[in-house]
Each structure stands twice: as C-alpha cells, then as structure tokens.
PDB file of N, CA and C in Angstrom:
ATOM      1  N   UNK A   1    -134.632  67.324-192.897  1.00  0.00           N
ATOM      2  CA  UNK A   1    -135.049  65.342-192.974  1.00  0.00           C
ATOM      3  C   UNK A   1    -133.770  64.728-193.172  1.00  0.00           C
ATOM      4  N   UNK A   2    -133.872  63.935-192.027  1.00  0.00           N
ATOM      5  CA  UNK A   2    -132.520  62.964-191.914  1.00  0.00           C
ATOM      6  C   UNK A   2    -133.488  61.448-192.291  1.00  0.00           C
ATOM      7  N   UNK A   3    -132.287  60.793-192.763  1.00  0.00           N
ATOM      8  CA  UNK A   3    -132.588  59.393-193.315  1.00  0.00           C
ATOM      9  C   UNK A   3    -133.878  58.454-192.255  1.00  0.00           C
ATOM     10  N   UNK A   4    -133.612  58.988-191.552  1.00  0.00           N
ATOM     11  CA  UNK A   4    -134.315  58.263-190.021  1.00  0.00           C
ATOM     12  C   UNK A   4    -136.215  58.698-190.143  1.00  0.00           C
ATOM     13  N   UNK A   5    -136.549  59.618-190.821  1.00  0.00           N
ATOM     14  CA  UNK A   5    -137.582  60.464-190.482  1.00  0.00           C
ATOM     15  C   UNK A   5    -138.427  59.341-190.971  1.00  0.00           C
ATOM     16  N   UNK A   6    -138.604  58.945-192.622  1.00  0.00           N
ATOM     17  CA  UNK A   6    -139.446  57.878-193.266  1.00  0.00           C
ATOM     18  C   UNK A   6    -139.554  56.729-192.564  1.00  0.00           C
ATOM     19  N   UNK A   7    -138.458  55.748-191.996  1.00  0.00           N
ATOM     20  CA  UNK A   7    -138.589  54.875-191.470  1.00  0.00           C
ATOM     21  C   UNK A   7    -139.577  54.818-190.091  1.00  0.00           C
ATOM     22  N   UNK A   8    -138.923  56.044-189.476  1.00  0.00           N
ATOM     23  CA  UNK A   8    -139.796  56.094-187.863  1.00  0.00           C
ATOM     24  C   UNK A   8    -140.507  56.231-188.062  1.00  0.00           C
ATOM     25  N   UNK A   9    -141.239  56.975-189.386  1.00  0.00           N
ATOM     26  CA  UNK A   9    -142.722  57.598-189.471  1.00  0.00           C
ATOM     27  C   UNK A   9    -143.668  56.083-189.689  1.00  0.00           C
ATOM     28  N   UNK A  10    -143.020  55.711-190.570  1.00  0.00           N
ATOM     29  CA  UNK A  10    -143.945  54.039-191.436  1.00  0.00           C
ATOM     30  C   UNK A  10    -144.037  53.057-190.384  1.00  0.00           C
ATOM     31  N   UNK A  11    -142.877  53.099-188.953  1.00  0.00           N
ATOM     32  CA  UNK A  11    -142.607  51.934-188.059  1.00  0.00           C
ATOM     33  C   UNK A  11    -143.500  52.459-187.227  1.00  0.00           C
ATOM     34  N   UNK A  12    -143.867  53.893-186.560  1.00  0.00           N
ATOM     35  CA  UNK A  12    -144.282  54.481-185.717  1.00  0.00           C
ATOM     36  C   UNK A  12    -146.139  54.030-186.268  1.00  0.00           C
ATOM     37  N   UNK A  13    -146.913  54.722-187.449  1.00  0.00           N
ATOM     38  CA  UNK A  13    -148.075  54.135-187.852  1.00  0.00           C
ATOM     39  C   UNK A  13    -147.981  52.829-187.825  1.00  0.00           C
ATOM     40  N   UNK A  14    -147.412  51.727-187.928  1.00  0.00           N
ATOM     41  CA  UNK A  14    -147.451  50.520-187.607  1.00  0.00           C
ATOM     42  C   UNK A  14    -148.061  50.006-186.351  1.00  0.00           C
ATOM     43  N   UNK A  15    -147.073  50.559-185.498  1.00  0.00           N
ATOM     44  CA  UNK A  15    -147.146  50.569-184.134  1.00  0.00           C
ATOM     45  C   UNK A  15    -148.503  51.264-183.645  1.00  0.00           C
ATOM     46  N   UNK A  16    -148.860  52.308-183.833  1.00  0.00           N
ATOM     47  CA  UNK A  16    -150.221  52.988-183.473  1.00  0.00           C
ATOM     48  C   UNK A  16    -151.355  52.498-183.913  1.00  0.00           C
ATOM     49  N   UNK A  17    -151.050  51.888-185.230  1.00  0.00           N
ATOM     50  CA  UNK A  17    -152.451  50.855-185.661  1.00  0.00           C
ATOM     51  C   UNK A  17    -152.378  49.717-185.232  1.00  0.00           C
ATOM     52  N   UNK A  18    -151.531  48.820-185.037  1.00  0.00           N
ATOM     53  CA  UNK A  18    -151.300  47.729-183.909  1.00  0.00           C
ATOM     54  C   UNK A  18    -152.057  47.882-182.770  1.00  0.00           C
ATOM     55  N   UNK A  19    -151.301  48.575-181.891  1.00  0.00           N
ATOM     56  CA  UNK A  19    -151.532  49.385-180.744  1.00  0.00           C
ATOM     57  C   UNK A  19    -153.129  49.525-180.710  1.00  0.00           C
ATOM     58  N   UNK A  20    -153.932  50.455-181.390  1.00  0.00           N
ATOM     59  CA  UNK A  20    -155.477  50.897-181.603  1.00  0.00           C
ATOM     60  C   UNK A  20    -156.321  49.920-182.006  1.00  0.00           C
ATOM     61  N   UNK A  21    -155.505  48.730-182.957  1.00  0.00           N
ATOM     62  CA  UNK A  21    -156.420  47.611-183.431  1.00  0.00           C
ATOM     63  C   UNK A  21    -156.587  46.385-182.169  1.00  0.00           C
ATOM     64  N   UNK A  22    -155.800  46.289-181.133  1.00  0.00           N
ATOM     65  CA  UNK A  22    -155.692  45.373-180.054  1.00  0.00           C
ATOM     66  C   UNK A  22    -156.648  46.013-179.363  1.00  0.00           C
ATOM     67  N   UNK A  23    -156.749  47.440-179.167  1.00  0.00           N
ATOM     68  CA  UNK A  23    -158.288  47.456-178.310  1.00  0.00           C
ATOM     69  C   UNK A  23    -159.541  47.356-179.107  1.00  0.00           C
ATOM     70  N   UNK A  24    -159.717  47.739-180.307  1.00  0.00           N
ATOM     71  CA  UNK A  24    -160.694  47.603-181.026  1.00  0.00           C
ATOM     72  C   UNK A  24    -161.095  45.928-181.282  1.00  0.00           C
ATOM     73  N   UNK A  25    -160.138  45.093-181.173  1.00  0.00           N
ATOM     74  CA  UNK A  25    -160.321  43.718-181.403  1.00  0.00           C
ATOM     75  C   UNK A  25    -160.851  42.864-180.085  1.00  0.00           C
ATOM     76  N   UNK A  26    -160.479  43.969-178.567  1.00  0.00           N
ATOM     77  CA  UNK A  26    -161.227  44.005-177.738  1.00  0.00           C
ATOM     78  C   UNK A  26    -162.656  44.385-177.244  1.00  0.00           C
ATOM     79  N   UNK A  27    -162.793  45.043-177.634  1.00  0.00           N
ATOM     80  CA  UNK A  27    -163.897  45.901-177.709  1.00  0.00           C
ATOM     81  C   UNK A  27    -165.455  45.938-178.484  1.00  0.00           C
ATOM     82  N   UNK A  28    -164.493  45.283-179.766  1.00  0.00           N
ATOM     83  CA  UNK A  28    -165.453  45.246-180.629  1.00  0.00           C
ATOM     84  C   UNK A  28    -165.350  44.011-181.360  1.00  0.00           C
ATOM     85  N   UNK A  29    -164.779  43.206-181.362  1.00  0.00           N
ATOM     86  CA  UNK A  29    -164.624  41.867-181.483  1.00  0.00           C
ATOM     87  C   UNK A  29    -164.618  40.714-180.760  1.00  0.00           C
ATOM     88  N   UNK A  30    -164.737  41.209-179.470  1.00  0.00           N
ATOM     89  CA  UNK A  30    -164.941  40.074-178.613  1.00  0.00           C
ATOM     90  C   UNK A  30    -163.391  39.594-178.118  1.00  0.00           C
ATOM     91  N   UNK A  31    -162.569  40.098-178.647  1.00  0.00           N
ATOM     92  CA  UNK A  31    -161.192  39.411-178.398  1.00  0.00           C
ATOM     93  C   UNK A  31    -160.879  39.325-176.541  1.00  0.00           C
ATOM     94  N   UNK A  32    -159.868  38.397-176.361  1.00  0.00           N
ATOM     95  CA  UNK A  32    -159.680  38.202-174.683  1.00  0.00           C
ATOM     96  C   UNK A  32    -159.027  39.857-174.202  1.00  0.00           C
ATOM     97  N   UNK A  33    -159.483  40.182-173.044  1.00  0.00           N
ATOM     98  CA  UNK A  33    -158.623  41.549-172.396  1.00  0.00           C
ATOM     99  C   UNK A  33    -156.865  41.371-172.603  1.00  0.00           C
ATOM    100  N   UNK A  34    -156.553  40.069-172.863  1.00  0.00           N
ATOM    101  CA  UNK A  34    -155.271  39.747-172.905  1.00  0.00           C
ATOM    102  C   UNK A  34    -154.599  40.644-174.249  1.00  0.00           C
ATOM    103  N   UNK A  35    -155.496  40.897-175.038  1.00  0.00           N
ATOM    104  CA  UNK A  35    -154.630  41.899-176.415  1.00  0.00           C
ATOM    105  C   UNK A  35    -154.217  43.330-175.918  1.00  0.00           C
ATOM    106  N   UNK A  36    -154.720  43.551-174.851  1.00  0.00           N
ATOM    107  CA  UNK A  36    -154.160  44.816-174.453  1.00  0.00           C
ATOM    108  C   UNK A  36    -152.996  44.834-174.170  1.00  0.00           C
ATOM    109  N   UNK A  37    -152.010  43.651-173.635  1.00  0.00           N
ATOM    110  CA  UNK A  37    -151.274  43.636-172.611  1.00  0.00           C
ATOM    111  C   UNK A  37    -150.182  44.120-174.525  1.00  0.00           C
ATOM    112  N   UNK A  38    -150.085  42.904-175.875  1.00  0.00           N
ATOM    113  CA  UNK A  38    -149.357  43.757-176.803  1.00  0.00           C
ATOM    114  C   UNK A  38    -149.882  45.419-177.510  1.00  0.00           C
ATOM    115  N   UNK A  39    -151.236  45.318-177.315  1.00  0.00           N
ATOM    116  CA  UNK A  39    -151.632  46.834-177.570  1.00  0.00           C
ATOM    117  C   UNK A  39    -150.825  47.639-176.772  1.00  0.00           C
ATOM    118  N   UNK A  40    -151.074  47.937-175.459  1.00  0.00           N
ATOM    119  CA  UNK A  40    -150.332  49.085-175.022  1.00  0.00           C
ATOM    120  C   UNK A  40    -148.698  48.751-175.029  1.00  0.00           C
ATOM    121  N   UNK A  41    -147.898  47.448-175.535  1.00  0.00           N
ATOM    122  CA  UNK A  41    -146.476  47.750-175.623  1.00  0.00           C
ATOM    123  C   UNK A  41    -146.979  48.549-177.023  1.00  0.00           C
ATOM    124  N   UNK A  42    -147.308  48.096-177.772  1.00  0.00           N
ATOM    125  CA  UNK A  42    -147.544  48.755-179.078  1.00  0.00           C
ATOM    126  C   UNK A  42    -147.621  50.138-179.481  1.00  0.00           C
ATOM    127  N   UNK A  43    -148.397  50.329-178.547  1.00  0.00           N
ATOM    128  CA  UNK A  43    -148.229  52.563-178.471  1.00  0.00           C
ATOM    129  C   UNK A  43    -147.477  52.967-177.849  1.00  0.00           C
ATOM    130  N   UNK A  44    -146.467  51.964-176.683  1.00  0.00           N
ATOM    131  CA  UNK A  44    -145.485  52.813-176.249  1.00  0.00           C
ATOM    132  C   UNK A  44    -144.623  52.895-177.383  1.00  0.00           C
ATOM    133  N   UNK A  45    -144.238  51.720-178.003  1.00  0.00           N
ATOM    134  CA  UNK A  45    -143.308  51.843-178.967  1.00  0.00           C
ATOM    135  C   UNK A  45    -143.631  52.486-180.162  1.00  0.00           C
ATOM    136  N   UNK A  46    -144.736  52.867-180.351  1.00  0.00           N
ATOM    137  CA  UNK A  46    -144.864  54.104-181.602  1.00  0.00           C
ATOM    138  C   UNK A  46    -144.577  55.506-180.742  1.00  0.00           C
ATOM    139  N   UNK A  47    -144.858  55.904-179.455  1.00  0.00           N
ATOM    140  CA  UNK A  47    -144.610  56.778-179.167  1.00  0.00           C
ATOM    141  C   UNK A  47    -143.002  57.284-179.059  1.00  0.00           C
ATOM    142  N   UNK A  48    -142.088  56.096-178.646  1.00  0.00           N
ATOM    143  CA  UNK A  48    -141.029  56.115-178.660  1.00  0.00           C
ATOM    144  C   UNK A  48    -140.080  56.466-180.478  1.00  0.00           C
ATOM    145  N   UNK A  49    -141.085  55.599-180.935  1.00  0.00           N
ATOM    146  CA  UNK A  49    -140.295  56.214-182.272  1.00  0.00           C
ATOM    147  C   UNK A  49    -140.552  57.383-182.854  1.00  0.00           C
ATOM    148  N   UNK A  50    -141.477  57.775-182.805  1.00  0.00           N
ATOM    149  CA  UNK A  50    -141.648  59.180-182.927  1.00  0.00           C
ATOM    150  C   UNK A  50    -140.885  60.145-182.421  1.00  0.00           C
ATOM    151  N   UNK A  51    -140.114  59.736-181.531  1.00  0.00           N
ATOM    152  CA  UNK A  51    -139.177  60.815-180.734  1.00  0.00           C
ATOM    153  C   UNK A  51    -137.614  60.718-181.663  1.00  0.00           C
ATOM    154  N   UNK A  52    -137.525  59.537-182.666  1.00  0.00           N
ATOM    155  CA  UNK A  52    -136.413  59.319-183.827  1.00  0.00           C
ATOM    156  C   UNK A  52    -136.831  61.008-185.029  1.00  0.00           C
ATOM    157  N   UNK A  53    -137.810  61.076-185.130  1.00  0.00           N
ATOM    158  CA  UNK A  53    -138.180  61.734-186.131  1.00  0.00           C
ATOM    159  C   UNK A  53    -136.807  63.319-185.973  1.00  0.00           C
ATOM    160  N   UNK A  54    -136.021  63.640-186.814  1.00  0.00           N
ATOM    161  CA  UNK A  54    -135.544  64.798-187.127  1.00  0.00           C
ATOM    162  C   UNK A  54    -136.331  65.768-187.002  1.00  0.00           C
ATOM    163  N   UNK A  55    -136.807  66.581-185.831  1.00  0.00           N
ATOM    164  CA  UNK A  55    -137.273  67.624-185.836  1.00  0.00           C
ATOM    165  C   UNK A  55    -137.054  68.796-184.427  1.00  0.00           C
ATOM    166  N   UNK A  56    -137.077  69.698-184.263  1.00  0.00           N
ATOM    167  CA  UNK A  56    -136.925  70.518-183.200  1.00  0.00           C
ATOM    168  C   UNK A  56    -138.402  70.888-182.855  1.00  0.00           C
ATOM    169  N   UNK A  57    -139.472  70.404-183.524  1.00  0.00           N
ATOM    170  CA  UNK A  57    -140.806  70.848-182.558  1.00  0.00           C
ATOM    171  C   UNK A  57    -141.787  69.849-182.630  1.00  0.00           C
ATOM    172  N   UNK A  58    -142.191  68.882-181.476  1.00  0.00           N
ATOM    173  CA  UNK A  58    -142.631  68.017-181.387  1.00  0.00           C
ATOM    174  C   UNK A  58    -143.803  68.467-182.357  1.00  0.00           C
ATOM    175  N   UNK A  59    -144.921  68.932-181.998  1.00  0.00           N
ATOM    176  CA  UNK A  59    -146.144  69.536-183.180  1.00  0.00           C
ATOM    177  C   UNK A  59    -145.896  69.259-184.733  1.00  0.00           C
ATOM    178  N   UNK A  60    -144.444  69.665-184.974  1.00  0.00           N
ATOM    179  CA  UNK A  60    -144.036  69.441-186.219  1.00  0.00           C
ATOM    180  C   UNK A  60    -143.832  68.100-186.970  1.00  0.00           C
ATOM    181  N   UNK A  61    -143.247  67.812-185.983  1.00  0.00           N
ATOM    182  CA  UNK A  61    -143.313  66.404-186.168  1.00  0.00           C
ATOM    183  C   UNK A  61    -144.440  65.310-186.287  1.00  0.00           C
ATOM    184  N   UNK A  62    -145.295  65.929-185.419  1.00  0.00           N
ATOM    185  CA  UNK A  62    -146.624  64.797-184.952  1.00  0.00           C
ATOM    186  C   UNK A  62    -147.445  65.209-186.423  1.00  0.00           C
ATOM    187  N   UNK A  63    -147.438  66.702-186.835  1.00  0.00           N
ATOM    188  CA  UNK A  63    -148.395  66.715-187.975  1.00  0.00           C
ATOM    189  C   UNK A  63    -148.334  66.084-189.106  1.00  0.00           C
ATOM    190  N   UNK A  64    -146.641  66.066-189.193  1.00  0.00           N
ATOM    191  CA  UNK A  64    -146.580  65.348-190.795  1.00  0.00           C
ATOM    192  C   UNK A  64    -146.384  64.083-190.349  1.00  0.00           C
ATOM    193  N   UNK A  65    -146.360  63.482-189.372  1.00  0.00           N
ATOM    194  CA  UNK A  65    -146.779  62.137-189.456  1.00  0.00           C
ATOM    195  C   UNK A  65    -148.226  61.997-189.569  1.00  0.00           C
ATOM    196  N   UNK A  66    -149.234  62.915-189.699  1.00  0.00           N
ATOM    197  CA  UNK A  66    -150.563  62.397-189.812  1.00  0.00           C
ATOM    198  C   UNK A  66    -150.763  61.724-191.039  1.00  0.00           C
ATOM    199  N   UNK A  67    -149.853  62.442-191.741  1.00  0.00           N
ATOM    200  CA  UNK A  67    -150.455  61.747-193.304  1.00  0.00           C
ATOM    201  C   UNK A  67    -150.064  60.615-193.790  1.00  0.00           C
ATOM    202  N   UNK A  68    -148.934  60.426-193.086  1.00  0.00           N
ATOM    203  CA  UNK A  68    -148.246  59.005-193.334  1.00  0.00           C
ATOM    204  C   UNK A  68    -149.126  57.835-192.362  1.00  0.00           C
ATOM    205  N   UNK A  69    -149.691  58.242-191.053  1.00  0.00           N
ATOM    206  CA  UNK A  69    -150.500  57.792-190.335  1.00  0.00           C
ATOM    207  C   UNK A  69    -151.812  57.276-191.174  1.00  0.00           C
ATOM    208  N   UNK A  70    -152.392  58.226-192.137  1.00  0.00           N
ATOM    209  CA  UNK A  70    -153.678  57.829-192.589  1.00  0.00           C
ATOM    210  C   UNK A  70    -153.860  56.945-193.701  1.00  0.00           C
ATOM    211  N   UNK A  71    -151.853  57.126-194.360  1.00  0.00           N
ATOM    212  CA  UNK A  71    -152.093  56.087-195.233  1.00  0.00           C
ATOM    213  C   UNK A  71    -151.406  55.065-195.029  1.00  0.00           C
ATOM    214  N   UNK A  72    -150.889  54.227-193.939  1.00  0.00           N
ATOM    215  CA  UNK A  72    -150.755  53.457-193.337  1.00  0.00           C
ATOM    216  C   UNK A  72    -152.023  52.970-192.965  1.00  0.00           C
ATOM    217  N   UNK A  73    -152.990  53.514-192.336  1.00  0.00           N
ATOM    218  CA  UNK A  73    -154.450  52.530-191.792  1.00  0.00           C
ATOM    219  C   UNK A  73    -155.308  52.911-193.208  1.00  0.00           C
ATOM    220  N   UNK A  74    -155.119  53.202-193.897  1.00  0.00           N
ATOM    221  CA  UNK A  74    -155.683  52.734-195.545  1.00  0.00           C
ATOM    222  C   UNK A  74    -155.088  51.037-195.923  1.00  0.00           C
ATOM    223  N   UNK A  75    -153.809  51.328-195.772  1.00  0.00           N
ATOM    224  CA  UNK A  75    -153.218  49.802-195.784  1.00  0.00           C
ATOM    225  C   UNK A  75    -153.413  48.989-195.115  1.00  0.00           C
ATOM    226  N   UNK A  76    -153.644  49.472-193.961  1.00  0.00           N
ATOM    227  CA  UNK A  76    -154.277  48.017-192.835  1.00  0.00           C
ATOM    228  C   UNK A  76    -155.920  47.538-193.550  1.00  0.00           C
ATOM    229  N   UNK A  77    -156.161  48.437-193.596  1.00  0.00           N
ATOM    230  CA  UNK A  77    -157.817  48.570-194.063  1.00  0.00           C
ATOM    231  C   UNK A  77    -157.679  47.086-195.168  1.00  0.00           C
ATOM    232  N   UNK A  78    -156.988  47.226-196.005  1.00  0.00           N
ATOM    233  CA  UNK A  78    -156.741  46.725-197.561  1.00  0.00           C
ATOM    234  C   UNK A  78    -155.696  45.267-196.660  1.00  0.00           C
ATOM    235  N   UNK A  79    -154.603  45.231-196.133  1.00  0.00           N
ATOM    236  CA  UNK A  79    -154.085  44.179-195.941  1.00  0.00           C
ATOM    237  C   UNK A  79    -154.413  43.502-194.907  1.00  0.00           C
ATOM    238  N   UNK A  80    -154.870  44.237-193.769  1.00  0.00           N
ATOM    239  CA  UNK A  80    -155.284  43.220-192.495  1.00  0.00           C
ATOM    240  C   UNK A  80    -156.749  42.999-192.152  1.00  0.00           C
ATOM    241  N   UNK A  81    -157.588  44.320-192.567  1.00  0.00           N
ATOM    242  CA  UNK A  81    -159.023  44.023-192.705  1.00  0.00           C
ATOM    243  C   UNK A  81    -159.544  42.916-194.083  1.00  0.00           C
ATOM    244  N   UNK A  82    -158.803  42.995-194.837  1.00  0.00           N
ATOM    245  CA  UNK A  82    -159.377  42.463-195.651  1.00  0.00           C
ATOM    246  C   UNK A  82    -160.814  43.708-196.867  1.00  0.00           C
ATOM    247  N   UNK A  83    -160.278  44.820-196.573  1.00  0.00           N
ATOM    248  CA  UNK A  83    -161.327  45.575-197.383  1.00  0.00           C
ATOM    249  C   UNK A  83    -160.543  46.422-198.537  1.00  0.00           C
ATOM    250  N   UNK A  84    -160.532  46.062-199.661  1.00  0.00           N
ATOM    251  CA  UNK A  84    -159.683  46.782-200.335  1.00  0.00           C
ATOM    252  C   UNK A  84    -160.579  48.352-200.602  1.00  0.00           C
ATOM    253  N   UNK A  85    -159.006  49.729-200.618  1.00  0.00           N
ATOM    254  CA  UNK A  85    -159.651  50.524-200.397  1.00  0.00           C
ATOM    255  C   UNK A  85    -160.221  51.162-201.997  1.00  0.00           C
ATOM    256  N   UNK A  86    -160.872  52.019-201.799  1.00  0.00           N
ATOM    257  CA  UNK A  86    -161.907  52.854-202.829  1.00  0.00           C
ATOM    258  C   UNK A  86    -160.961  54.220-203.497  1.00  0.00           C
ATOM    259  N   UNK A  87    -161.663  54.412-204.354  1.00  0.00           N
ATOM    260  CA  UNK A  87    -160.317  55.909-204.971  1.00  0.00           C
ATOM    261  C   UNK A  87    -160.954  57.262-204.044  1.00  0.00           C
ATOM    262  N   UNK A  88    -161.773  57.302-203.537  1.00  0.00           N
ATOM    263  CA  UNK A  88    -161.994  58.233-202.709  1.00  0.00           C
ATOM    264  C   UNK A  88    -160.411  58.214-201.425  1.00  0.00           C
ATOM    265  N   UNK A  89    -160.652  56.677-200.690  1.00  0.00           N
ATOM    266  CA  UNK A  89    -159.440  56.279-199.606  1.00  0.00           C
ATOM    267  C   UNK A  89    -158.165  57.112-200.287  1.00  0.00           C
ATOM    268  N   UNK A  90    -157.957  56.370-201.600  1.00  0.00           N
ATOM    269  CA  UNK A  90    -156.602  56.297-202.302  1.00  0.00           C
ATOM    270  C   UNK A  90    -156.317  58.190-202.620  1.00  0.00           C
ATOM    271  N   UNK A  91    -157.094  58.465-203.298  1.00  0.00           N
ATOM    272  CA  UNK A  91    -157.225  60.026-203.018  1.00  0.00           C
ATOM    273  C   UNK A  91    -157.083  61.036-201.899  1.00  0.00           C
ATOM    274  N   UNK A  92    -157.930  60.196-200.578  1.00  0.00           N
ATOM    275  CA  UNK A  92    -157.283  61.106-199.570  1.00  0.00           C
ATOM    276  C   UNK A  92    -156.166  60.660-199.374  1.00  0.00           C
ATOM    277  N   UNK A  93    -155.495  59.744-199.307  1.00  0.00           N
ATOM    278  CA  UNK A  93    -154.154  59.234-198.603  1.00  0.00           C
ATOM    279  C   UNK A  93    -153.148  59.951-199.280  1.00  0.00           C
ATOM    280  N   UNK A  94    -153.687  59.964-201.199  1.00  0.00           N
ATOM    281  CA  UNK A  94    -152.455  60.952-201.790  1.00  0.00           C
ATOM    282  C   UNK A  94    -152.503  62.643-201.189  1.00  0.00           C
ATOM    283  N   UNK A  95    -153.472  63.089-200.827  1.00  0.00           N
ATOM    284  CA  UNK A  95    -153.740  64.237-200.147  1.00  0.00           C
ATOM    285  C   UNK A  95    -152.963  64.565-199.290  1.00  0.00           C
ATOM    286  N   UNK A  96    -153.375  63.812-198.233  1.00  0.00           N
ATOM    287  CA  UNK A  96    -152.545  63.823-196.788  1.00  0.00           C
ATOM    288  C   UNK A  96    -151.157  63.488-196.874  1.00  0.00           C
ATOM    289  N   UNK A  97    -150.396  62.699-197.433  1.00  0.00           N
ATOM    290  CA  UNK A  97    -149.144  62.777-198.157  1.00  0.00           C
ATOM    291  C   UNK A  97    -148.621  63.611-198.699  1.00  0.00           C
ATOM    292  N   UNK A  98    -149.250  64.590-199.600  1.00  0.00           N
ATOM    293  CA  UNK A  98    -148.703  65.666-200.274  1.00  0.00           C
ATOM    294  C   UNK A  98    -148.803  66.806-198.779  1.00  0.00           C
ATOM    295  N   UNK A  99    -149.735  66.729-197.736  1.00  0.00           N
ATOM    296  CA  UNK A  99    -149.354  68.001-196.884  1.00  0.00           C
ATOM    297  C   UNK A  99    -148.454  67.549-196.254  1.00  0.00           C
ATOM    298  N   UNK A 100    -148.367  66.258-195.605  1.00  0.00           N
ATOM    299  CA  UNK A 100    -146.993  65.261-195.288  1.00  0.00           C
ATOM    300  C   UNK A 100    -145.011  66.434-195.804  1.00  0.00           C
ATOM    301  N   UNK A 101    -145.625  66.007-197.072  1.00  0.00           N
ATOM    302  CA  UNK A 101    -144.292  66.381-197.993  1.00  0.00           C
ATOM    303  C   UNK A 101    -144.028  68.237-197.830  1.00  0.00           C
ATOM    304  N   UNK A 102    -144.978  68.604-197.789  1.00  0.00           N
ATOM    305  CA  UNK A 102    -144.947  70.281-197.463  1.00  0.00           C
ATOM    306  C   UNK A 102    -144.461  70.159-196.336  1.00  0.00           C
ATOM    307  N   UNK A 103    -144.943  69.876-195.067  1.00  0.00           N
ATOM    308  CA  UNK A 103    -144.394  70.396-193.467  1.00  0.00           C
ATOM    309  C   UNK A 103    -143.161  69.983-193.412  1.00  0.00           C
ATOM    310  N   UNK A 104    -142.554  68.869-194.041  1.00  0.00           N
ATOM    311  CA  UNK A 104    -141.521  68.167-193.929  1.00  0.00           C
ATOM    312  C   UNK A 104    -140.185  68.714-194.558  1.00  0.00           C
ATOM    313  N   UNK A 105    -140.960  69.280-196.163  1.00  0.00           N
ATOM    314  CA  UNK A 105    -139.780  69.501-196.880  1.00  0.00           C
ATOM    315  C   UNK A 105    -140.088  70.997-197.299  1.00  0.00           C
ATOM    316  N   UNK A 106    -140.805  71.722-196.458  1.00  0.00           N
ATOM    317  CA  UNK A 106    -140.769  73.686-196.703  1.00  0.00           C
ATOM    318  C   UNK A 106    -139.446  74.048-196.264  1.00  0.00           C
ATOM    319  N   UNK A 107    -139.268  74.974-196.688  1.00  0.00           N
ATOM    320  CA  UNK A 107    -138.071  75.793-196.520  1.00  0.00           C
ATOM    321  C   UNK A 107    -138.353  76.180-195.025  1.00  0.00           C
ATOM    322  N   UNK A 108    -137.374  76.258-194.358  1.00  0.00           N
ATOM    323  CA  UNK A 108    -137.424  76.953-193.254  1.00  0.00           C
ATOM    324  C   UNK A 108    -136.208  77.418-192.723  1.00  0.00           C
ATOM    325  N   UNK A 109    -136.390  78.994-192.062  1.00  0.00           N
ATOM    326  CA  UNK A 109    -135.355  79.536-191.616  1.00  0.00           C
ATOM    327  C   UNK A 109    -134.461  78.751-190.683  1.00  0.00           C
ATOM    328  N   UNK A 110    -133.138  79.132-190.526  1.00  0.00           N
ATOM    329  CA  UNK A 110    -132.363  77.841-189.806  1.00  0.00           C
ATOM    330  C   UNK A 110    -131.897  78.835-188.658  1.00  0.00           C
TER     331      UNK A 110
END
C-alpha cells in the first residue's frame, strides 16, 4: 500500500456518496433534475480516484474500498443528513475497516 491509497479511498468515497446523493435528492427529495449533472461528474471522479489505488487487481482494490465507503457513508449520515450514528452503525463501520485492513495489509506473495 502506498501513501496515495488512503487519500484516494477517502476522496473516492466522498465522491461516490455525493454522486449517489444527487440522484437521491432528485428522486426522493424532489430536487431539480439539474442535480444529476454534478452527481454524474462526481461519480466519474469516484471511478477515476479508484484507479489511483496501489493494487495490481481491480477486484482487490474495490473490495478493500468497501470498508472505507461504509464508514464514510456513516459519516455522511451524521454530517450531512444530521442523523447521529448509533452504536450498531459504529460497530459495523469498525468491523468493515478491520476487513479493509486485512485486505490491504495482508501478506502477498511477490
């Protein structure tokens, strides 16, 4: 894992959540269809950011990213939607980050 992996994962998670939230806002909150323009740009940014992750396999990079995404989504719930995560949200996020660490830091044959 290089020094770019964690920042790329965090930025990708925020970009993905923001892009998906734009669709949520349009379809569920009655916002303008114009919300989709920055939403789609954000989703394209998300995909590009994942290519910055130091991994020879896309599947492994995406699998490890999952834990970061889940934790970021819990942060979004609190910071953007104003809903404080409960203990089950926190415990679930920690379990996911442990899984991410195992995938990223596990010994691999060279």
